[in-house]
Amino acid sequence: MNTLKQLTKLSAQLQDLLEDLERTLDYIDNDDLYSEIDNNVKSQLDNALTHLDIACDDISEGMYENDPASEDFEEWD
């Protein structure tokens, strides 16, 4: 449970960072710089946040509670 709490906190911090970045992008006049940051930095942060939230959901649903090696003949995703 401690891991989930830490990851949830990290997710909130990442969301705050993305919001700060979006506000900063509003003040960038250089179209090439805006495009570079939007297409590379922001998209990577969005992707990281999405996957972090998926991992948090998986943890809260118990997906990682049991070691796959300890389960006999059960399929592990």
PDB file of N, CA and C in Angstrom:
ATOM      1  N   MET A   1       0.819  -1.196   0.000  1.00  0.00           N
ATOM      2  CA  MET A   1       0.000   0.000   0.000  1.00  0.00           C
ATOM      3  C   MET A   1       0.860   1.256   0.000  1.00  0.00           C
ATOM      4  N   ASN A   2       2.008   1.195   0.642  1.00  0.00           N
ATOM      5  CA  ASN A   2       2.902   2.333   0.677  1.00  0.00           C
ATOM      6  C   ASN A   2       3.367   2.702  -0.736  1.00  0.00           C
ATOM      7  N   THR A   3       3.640   1.705  -1.557  1.00  0.00           N
ATOM      8  CA  THR A   3       4.062   1.951  -2.934  1.00  0.00           C
ATOM      9  C   THR A   3       2.965   2.666  -3.704  1.00  0.00           C
ATOM     10  N   LEU A   4       1.741   2.244  -3.545  1.00  0.00           N
ATOM     11  CA  LEU A   4       0.627   2.879  -4.237  1.00  0.00           C
ATOM     12  C   LEU A   4       0.487   4.336  -3.808  1.00  0.00           C
ATOM     13  N   LYS A   5       0.651   4.592  -2.537  1.00  0.00           N
ATOM     14  CA  LYS A   5       0.546   5.960  -2.038  1.00  0.00           C
ATOM     15  C   LYS A   5       1.641   6.836  -2.654  1.00  0.00           C
ATOM     16  N   GLN A   6       2.850   6.310  -2.718  1.00  0.00           N
ATOM     17  CA  GLN A   6       3.966   7.062  -3.289  1.00  0.00           C
ATOM     18  C   GLN A   6       3.753   7.314  -4.783  1.00  0.00           C
ATOM     19  N   LEU A   7       3.273   6.301  -5.495  1.00  0.00           N
ATOM     20  CA  LEU A   7       3.032   6.463  -6.927  1.00  0.00           C
ATOM     21  C   LEU A   7       1.881   7.427  -7.196  1.00  0.00           C
ATOM     22  N   THR A   8       0.868   7.408  -6.354  1.00  0.00           N
ATOM     23  CA  THR A   8      -0.242   8.342  -6.497  1.00  0.00           C
ATOM     24  C   THR A   8       0.229   9.776  -6.269  1.00  0.00           C
ATOM     25  N   LYS A   9       1.095   9.949  -5.291  1.00  0.00           N
ATOM     26  CA  LYS A   9       1.659  11.273  -5.032  1.00  0.00           C
ATOM     27  C   LYS A   9       2.509  11.725  -6.219  1.00  0.00           C
ATOM     28  N   LEU A  10       3.305  10.825  -6.768  1.00  0.00           N
ATOM     29  CA  LEU A  10       4.114  11.133  -7.936  1.00  0.00           C
ATOM     30  C   LEU A  10       3.238  11.506  -9.129  1.00  0.00           C
ATOM     31  N   SER A  11       2.135  10.812  -9.295  1.00  0.00           N
ATOM     32  CA  SER A  11       1.191  11.120 -10.371  1.00  0.00           C
ATOM     33  C   SER A  11       0.644  12.531 -10.228  1.00  0.00           C
ATOM     34  N   ALA A  12       0.301  12.923  -9.017  1.00  0.00           N
ATOM     35  CA  ALA A  12      -0.215  14.273  -8.775  1.00  0.00           C
ATOM     36  C   ALA A  12       0.855  15.318  -9.072  1.00  0.00           C
ATOM     37  N   GLN A  13       2.098  15.027  -8.693  1.00  0.00           N
ATOM     38  CA  GLN A  13       3.193  15.956  -8.965  1.00  0.00           C
ATOM     39  C   GLN A  13       3.441  16.080 -10.472  1.00  0.00           C
ATOM     40  N   LEU A  14       3.358  14.972 -11.172  1.00  0.00           N
ATOM     41  CA  LEU A  14       3.537  14.979 -12.617  1.00  0.00           C
ATOM     42  C   LEU A  14       2.412  15.760 -13.294  1.00  0.00           C
ATOM     43  N   GLN A  15       1.200  15.609 -12.791  1.00  0.00           N
ATOM     44  CA  GLN A  15       0.072  16.374 -13.319  1.00  0.00           C
ATOM     45  C   GLN A  15       0.292  17.875 -13.110  1.00  0.00           C
ATOM     46  N   ASP A  16       0.779  18.252 -11.939  1.00  0.00           N
ATOM     47  CA  ASP A  16       1.091  19.658 -11.669  1.00  0.00           C
ATOM     48  C   ASP A  16       2.169  20.173 -12.622  1.00  0.00           C
ATOM     49  N   LEU A  17       3.184  19.355 -12.860  1.00  0.00           N
ATOM     50  CA  LEU A  17       4.250  19.724 -13.773  1.00  0.00           C
ATOM     51  C   LEU A  17       3.707  19.946 -15.184  1.00  0.00           C
ATOM     52  N   LEU A  18       2.823  19.078 -15.623  1.00  0.00           N
ATOM     53  CA  LEU A  18       2.219  19.233 -16.941  1.00  0.00           C
ATOM     54  C   LEU A  18       1.397  20.514 -17.032  1.00  0.00           C
ATOM     55  N   GLU A  19       0.666  20.826 -15.990  1.00  0.00           N
ATOM     56  CA  GLU A  19      -0.120  22.056 -15.985  1.00  0.00           C
ATOM     57  C   GLU A  19       0.791  23.284 -16.031  1.00  0.00           C
ATOM     58  N   ASP A  20       1.897  23.247 -15.305  1.00  0.00           N
ATOM     59  CA  ASP A  20       2.872  24.339 -15.346  1.00  0.00           C
ATOM     60  C   ASP A  20       3.469  24.476 -16.745  1.00  0.00           C
ATOM     61  N   LEU A  21       3.779  23.352 -17.367  1.00  0.00           N
ATOM     62  CA  LEU A  21       4.333  23.371 -18.710  1.00  0.00           C
ATOM     63  C   LEU A  21       3.334  23.976 -19.698  1.00  0.00           C
ATOM     64  N   GLU A  22       2.075  23.605 -19.581  1.00  0.00           N
ATOM     65  CA  GLU A  22       1.056  24.151 -20.474  1.00  0.00           C
ATOM     66  C   GLU A  22       0.926  25.665 -20.312  1.00  0.00           C
ATOM     67  N   ARG A  23       1.006  26.154 -19.082  1.00  0.00           N
ATOM     68  CA  ARG A  23       0.965  27.601 -18.854  1.00  0.00           C
ATOM     69  C   ARG A  23       2.195  28.272 -19.455  1.00  0.00           C
ATOM     70  N   THR A  24       3.339  27.623 -19.329  1.00  0.00           N
ATOM     71  CA  THR A  24       4.567  28.167 -19.899  1.00  0.00           C
ATOM     72  C   THR A  24       4.479  28.207 -21.423  1.00  0.00           C
ATOM     73  N   LEU A  25       3.916  27.180 -22.007  1.00  0.00           N
ATOM     74  CA  LEU A  25       3.771  27.142 -23.465  1.00  0.00           C
ATOM     75  C   LEU A  25       2.929  28.308 -23.980  1.00  0.00           C
ATOM     76  N   ASP A  26       1.998  28.777 -23.182  1.00  0.00           N
ATOM     77  CA  ASP A  26       1.162  29.907 -23.592  1.00  0.00           C
ATOM     78  C   ASP A  26       1.979  31.164 -23.829  1.00  0.00           C
ATOM     79  N   TYR A  27       3.154  31.254 -23.238  1.00  0.00           N
ATOM     80  CA  TYR A  27       3.982  32.458 -23.344  1.00  0.00           C
ATOM     81  C   TYR A  27       5.123  32.330 -24.349  1.00  0.00           C
ATOM     82  N   ILE A  28       5.211  31.196 -25.018  1.00  0.00           N
ATOM     83  CA  ILE A  28       6.284  30.995 -26.000  1.00  0.00           C
ATOM     84  C   ILE A  28       5.815  31.501 -27.355  1.00  0.00           C
ATOM     85  N   ASP A  29       6.547  32.473 -27.878  1.00  0.00           N
ATOM     86  CA  ASP A  29       6.184  33.075 -29.167  1.00  0.00           C
ATOM     87  C   ASP A  29       6.815  32.362 -30.356  1.00  0.00           C
ATOM     88  N   ASN A  30       7.918  31.704 -30.131  1.00  0.00           N
ATOM     89  CA  ASN A  30       8.628  31.021 -31.200  1.00  0.00           C
ATOM     90  C   ASN A  30       7.891  29.728 -31.550  1.00  0.00           C
ATOM     91  N   ASP A  31       7.354  29.674 -32.751  1.00  0.00           N
ATOM     92  CA  ASP A  31       6.555  28.513 -33.168  1.00  0.00           C
ATOM     93  C   ASP A  31       7.357  27.215 -33.192  1.00  0.00           C
ATOM     94  N   ASP A  32       8.624  27.303 -33.625  1.00  0.00           N
ATOM     95  CA  ASP A  32       9.451  26.093 -33.671  1.00  0.00           C
ATOM     96  C   ASP A  32       9.727  25.555 -32.263  1.00  0.00           C
ATOM     97  N   LEU A  33      10.043  26.460 -31.353  1.00  0.00           N
ATOM     98  CA  LEU A  33      10.292  26.047 -29.966  1.00  0.00           C
ATOM     99  C   LEU A  33       9.022  25.477 -29.339  1.00  0.00           C
ATOM    100  N   TYR A  34       7.901  26.142 -29.559  1.00  0.00           N
ATOM    101  CA  TYR A  34       6.622  25.661 -29.030  1.00  0.00           C
ATOM    102  C   TYR A  34       6.339  24.251 -29.543  1.00  0.00           C
ATOM    103  N   SER A  35       6.504  24.075 -30.836  1.00  0.00           N
ATOM    104  CA  SER A  35       6.240  22.773 -31.450  1.00  0.00           C
ATOM    105  C   SER A  35       7.168  21.695 -30.905  1.00  0.00           C
ATOM    106  N   GLU A  36       8.446  22.033 -30.759  1.00  0.00           N
ATOM    107  CA  GLU A  36       9.429  21.078 -30.228  1.00  0.00           C
ATOM    108  C   GLU A  36       9.053  20.635 -28.817  1.00  0.00           C
ATOM    109  N   ILE A  37       8.726  21.586 -27.965  1.00  0.00           N
ATOM    110  CA  ILE A  37       8.363  21.260 -26.582  1.00  0.00           C
ATOM    111  C   ILE A  37       7.047  20.492 -26.530  1.00  0.00           C
ATOM    112  N   ASP A  38       6.078  20.940 -27.316  1.00  0.00           N
ATOM    113  CA  ASP A  38       4.770  20.289 -27.310  1.00  0.00           C
ATOM    114  C   ASP A  38       4.857  18.861 -27.836  1.00  0.00           C
ATOM    115  N   ASN A  39       5.571  18.674 -28.932  1.00  0.00           N
ATOM    116  CA  ASN A  39       5.641  17.353 -29.571  1.00  0.00           C
ATOM    117  C   ASN A  39       6.556  16.374 -28.853  1.00  0.00           C
ATOM    118  N   ASN A  40       7.562  16.878 -28.165  1.00  0.00           N
ATOM    119  CA  ASN A  40       8.523  15.978 -27.544  1.00  0.00           C
ATOM    120  C   ASN A  40       8.381  15.926 -26.028  1.00  0.00           C
ATOM    121  N   VAL A  41       8.536  17.046 -25.378  1.00  0.00           N
ATOM    122  CA  VAL A  41       8.518  17.061 -23.920  1.00  0.00           C
ATOM    123  C   VAL A  41       7.117  16.790 -23.379  1.00  0.00           C
ATOM    124  N   LYS A  42       6.151  17.582 -23.815  1.00  0.00           N
ATOM    125  CA  LYS A  42       4.793  17.433 -23.279  1.00  0.00           C
ATOM    126  C   LYS A  42       4.203  16.062 -23.606  1.00  0.00           C
ATOM    127  N   SER A  43       4.424  15.609 -24.814  1.00  0.00           N
ATOM    128  CA  SER A  43       3.865  14.300 -25.178  1.00  0.00           C
ATOM    129  C   SER A  43       4.479  13.178 -24.349  1.00  0.00           C
ATOM    130  N   GLN A  44       5.777  13.274 -24.051  1.00  0.00           N
ATOM    131  CA  GLN A  44       6.423  12.255 -23.225  1.00  0.00           C
ATOM    132  C   GLN A  44       5.906  12.301 -21.784  1.00  0.00           C
ATOM    133  N   LEU A  45       5.704  13.511 -21.263  1.00  0.00           N
ATOM    134  CA  LEU A  45       5.150  13.632 -19.910  1.00  0.00           C
ATOM    135  C   LEU A  45       3.718  13.103 -19.859  1.00  0.00           C
ATOM    136  N   ASP A  46       2.931  13.400 -20.884  1.00  0.00           N
ATOM    137  CA  ASP A  46       1.561  12.865 -20.959  1.00  0.00           C
ATOM    138  C   ASP A  46       1.583  11.339 -20.968  1.00  0.00           C
ATOM    139  N   ASN A  47       2.491  10.778 -21.759  1.00  0.00           N
ATOM    140  CA  ASN A  47       2.616   9.328 -21.858  1.00  0.00           C
ATOM    141  C   ASN A  47       3.032   8.723 -20.518  1.00  0.00           C
ATOM    142  N   ALA A  48       3.991   9.357 -19.853  1.00  0.00           N
ATOM    143  CA  ALA A  48       4.443   8.875 -18.543  1.00  0.00           C
ATOM    144  C   ALA A  48       3.305   8.912 -17.529  1.00  0.00           C
ATOM    145  N   LEU A  49       2.540   9.992 -17.540  1.00  0.00           N
ATOM    146  CA  LEU A  49       1.417  10.115 -16.612  1.00  0.00           C
ATOM    147  C   LEU A  49       0.367   9.036 -16.881  1.00  0.00           C
ATOM    148  N   THR A  50       0.075   8.805 -18.128  1.00  0.00           N
ATOM    149  CA  THR A  50      -0.904   7.773 -18.490  1.00  0.00           C
ATOM    150  C   THR A  50      -0.464   6.400 -17.980  1.00  0.00           C
ATOM    151  N   HIS A  51       0.790   6.049 -18.229  1.00  0.00           N
ATOM    152  CA  HIS A  51       1.273   4.734 -17.813  1.00  0.00           C
ATOM    153  C   HIS A  51       1.414   4.623 -16.298  1.00  0.00           C
ATOM    154  N   LEU A  52       1.758   5.714 -15.659  1.00  0.00           N
ATOM    155  CA  LEU A  52       1.820   5.710 -14.198  1.00  0.00           C
ATOM    156  C   LEU A  52       0.432   5.496 -13.605  1.00  0.00           C
ATOM    157  N   ASP A  53      -0.567   6.155 -14.169  1.00  0.00           N
ATOM    158  CA  ASP A  53      -1.941   5.977 -13.689  1.00  0.00           C
ATOM    159  C   ASP A  53      -2.446   4.555 -13.939  1.00  0.00           C
ATOM    160  N   ILE A  54      -2.057   3.979 -15.059  1.00  0.00           N
ATOM    161  CA  ILE A  54      -2.422   2.580 -15.344  1.00  0.00           C
ATOM    162  C   ILE A  54      -1.780   1.651 -14.312  1.00  0.00           C
ATOM    163  N   ALA A  55      -0.507   1.895 -14.014  1.00  0.00           N
ATOM    164  CA  ALA A  55       0.185   1.076 -13.010  1.00  0.00           C
ATOM    165  C   ALA A  55      -0.487   1.212 -11.644  1.00  0.00           C
ATOM    166  N   CYS A  56      -0.879   2.437 -11.281  1.00  0.00           N
ATOM    167  CA  CYS A  56      -1.576   2.643 -10.001  1.00  0.00           C
ATOM    168  C   CYS A  56      -2.890   1.867  -9.974  1.00  0.00           C
ATOM    169  N   ASP A  57      -3.626   1.914 -11.074  1.00  0.00           N
ATOM    170  CA  ASP A  57      -4.879   1.162 -11.152  1.00  0.00           C
ATOM    171  C   ASP A  57      -4.629  -0.340 -11.018  1.00  0.00           C
ATOM    172  N   ASP A  58      -3.604  -0.826 -11.699  1.00  0.00           N
ATOM    173  CA  ASP A  58      -3.270  -2.250 -11.624  1.00  0.00           C
ATOM    174  C   ASP A  58      -2.894  -2.657 -10.199  1.00  0.00           C
ATOM    175  N   ILE A  59      -2.120  -1.812  -9.542  1.00  0.00           N
ATOM    176  CA  ILE A  59      -1.722  -2.110  -8.160  1.00  0.00           C
ATOM    177  C   ILE A  59      -2.937  -2.125  -7.251  1.00  0.00           C
ATOM    178  N   SER A  60      -3.821  -1.141  -7.410  1.00  0.00           N
ATOM    179  CA  SER A  60      -5.003  -1.085  -6.538  1.00  0.00           C
ATOM    180  C   SER A  60      -5.955  -2.244  -6.794  1.00  0.00           C
ATOM    181  N   GLU A  61      -5.912  -2.814  -7.990  1.00  0.00           N
ATOM    182  CA  GLU A  61      -6.743  -3.979  -8.303  1.00  0.00           C
ATOM    183  C   GLU A  61      -6.077  -5.296  -7.908  1.00  0.00           C
ATOM    184  N   GLY A  62      -4.864  -5.211  -7.358  1.00  0.00           N
ATOM    185  CA  GLY A  62      -4.199  -6.406  -6.864  1.00  0.00           C
ATOM    186  C   GLY A  62      -3.435  -7.195  -7.900  1.00  0.00           C
ATOM    187  N   MET A  63      -3.178  -6.613  -9.036  1.00  0.00           N
ATOM    188  CA  MET A  63      -2.532  -7.350 -10.115  1.00  0.00           C
ATOM    189  C   MET A  63      -1.141  -7.861  -9.731  1.00  0.00           C
ATOM    190  N   TYR A  64      -0.433  -7.163  -8.882  1.00  0.00           N
ATOM    191  CA  TYR A  64       0.941  -7.531  -8.564  1.00  0.00           C
ATOM    192  C   TYR A  64       1.087  -8.150  -7.178  1.00  0.00           C
ATOM    193  N   GLU A  65       0.002  -8.607  -6.594  1.00  0.00           N
ATOM    194  CA  GLU A  65       0.066  -9.170  -5.247  1.00  0.00           C
ATOM    195  C   GLU A  65       0.681 -10.559  -5.212  1.00  0.00           C
ATOM    196  N   ASN A  66       0.461 -11.343  -6.232  1.00  0.00           N
ATOM    197  CA  ASN A  66       0.962 -12.720  -6.240  1.00  0.00           C
ATOM    198  C   ASN A  66       2.047 -12.875  -7.294  1.00  0.00           C
ATOM    199  N   ASP A  67       3.084 -13.600  -6.953  1.00  0.00           N
ATOM    200  CA  ASP A  67       4.162 -13.901  -7.875  1.00  0.00           C
ATOM    201  C   ASP A  67       3.661 -14.928  -8.889  1.00  0.00           C
ATOM    202  N   PRO A  68       3.867 -14.684 -10.183  1.00  0.00           N
ATOM    203  CA  PRO A  68       3.392 -15.651 -11.188  1.00  0.00           C
ATOM    204  C   PRO A  68       3.990 -17.040 -11.021  1.00  0.00           C
ATOM    205  N   ALA A  69       5.186 -17.147 -10.497  1.00  0.00           N
ATOM    206  CA  ALA A  69       5.819 -18.465 -10.326  1.00  0.00           C
ATOM    207  C   ALA A  69       5.111 -19.292  -9.263  1.00  0.00           C
ATOM    208  N   SER A  70       4.408 -18.629  -8.330  1.00  0.00           N
ATOM    209  CA  SER A  70       3.735 -19.367  -7.268  1.00  0.00           C
ATOM    210  C   SER A  70       2.354 -19.882  -7.680  1.00  0.00           C
ATOM    211  N   GLU A  71       1.910 -19.490  -8.840  1.00  0.00           N
ATOM    212  CA  GLU A  71       0.591 -19.921  -9.310  1.00  0.00           C
ATOM    213  C   GLU A  71       0.770 -21.060 -10.301  1.00  0.00           C
ATOM    214  N   ASP A  72       0.168 -22.195  -9.981  1.00  0.00           N
ATOM    215  CA  ASP A  72       0.281 -23.359 -10.842  1.00  0.00           C
ATOM    216  C   ASP A  72      -0.747 -23.304 -11.965  1.00  0.00           C
ATOM    217  N   PHE A  73      -0.269 -23.418 -13.184  1.00  0.00           N
ATOM    218  CA  PHE A  73      -1.109 -23.542 -14.368  1.00  0.00           C
ATOM    219  C   PHE A  73      -2.097 -22.402 -14.568  1.00  0.00           C
ATOM    220  N   GLU A  74      -1.810 -21.268 -14.021  1.00  0.00           N
ATOM    221  CA  GLU A  74      -2.683 -20.118 -14.257  1.00  0.00           C
ATOM    222  C   GLU A  74      -1.961 -19.160 -15.197  1.00  0.00           C
ATOM    223  N   GLU A  75      -2.736 -18.573 -16.087  1.00  0.00           N
ATOM    224  CA  GLU A  75      -2.146 -17.633 -17.036  1.00  0.00           C
ATOM    225  C   GLU A  75      -1.862 -16.312 -16.346  1.00  0.00           C
ATOM    226  N   TRP A  76      -0.686 -15.737 -16.623  1.00  0.00           N
ATOM    227  CA  TRP A  76      -0.284 -14.471 -16.005  1.00  0.00           C
ATOM    228  C   TRP A  76      -0.086 -13.436 -17.107  1.00  0.00           C
ATOM    229  N   ASP A  77      -0.754 -12.315 -16.972  1.00  0.00           N
ATOM    230  CA  ASP A  77      -0.618 -11.240 -17.978  1.00  0.00           C
ATOM    231  C   ASP A  77       0.400 -10.251 -17.547  1.00  0.00           C
TER     232      ASP A  77
END
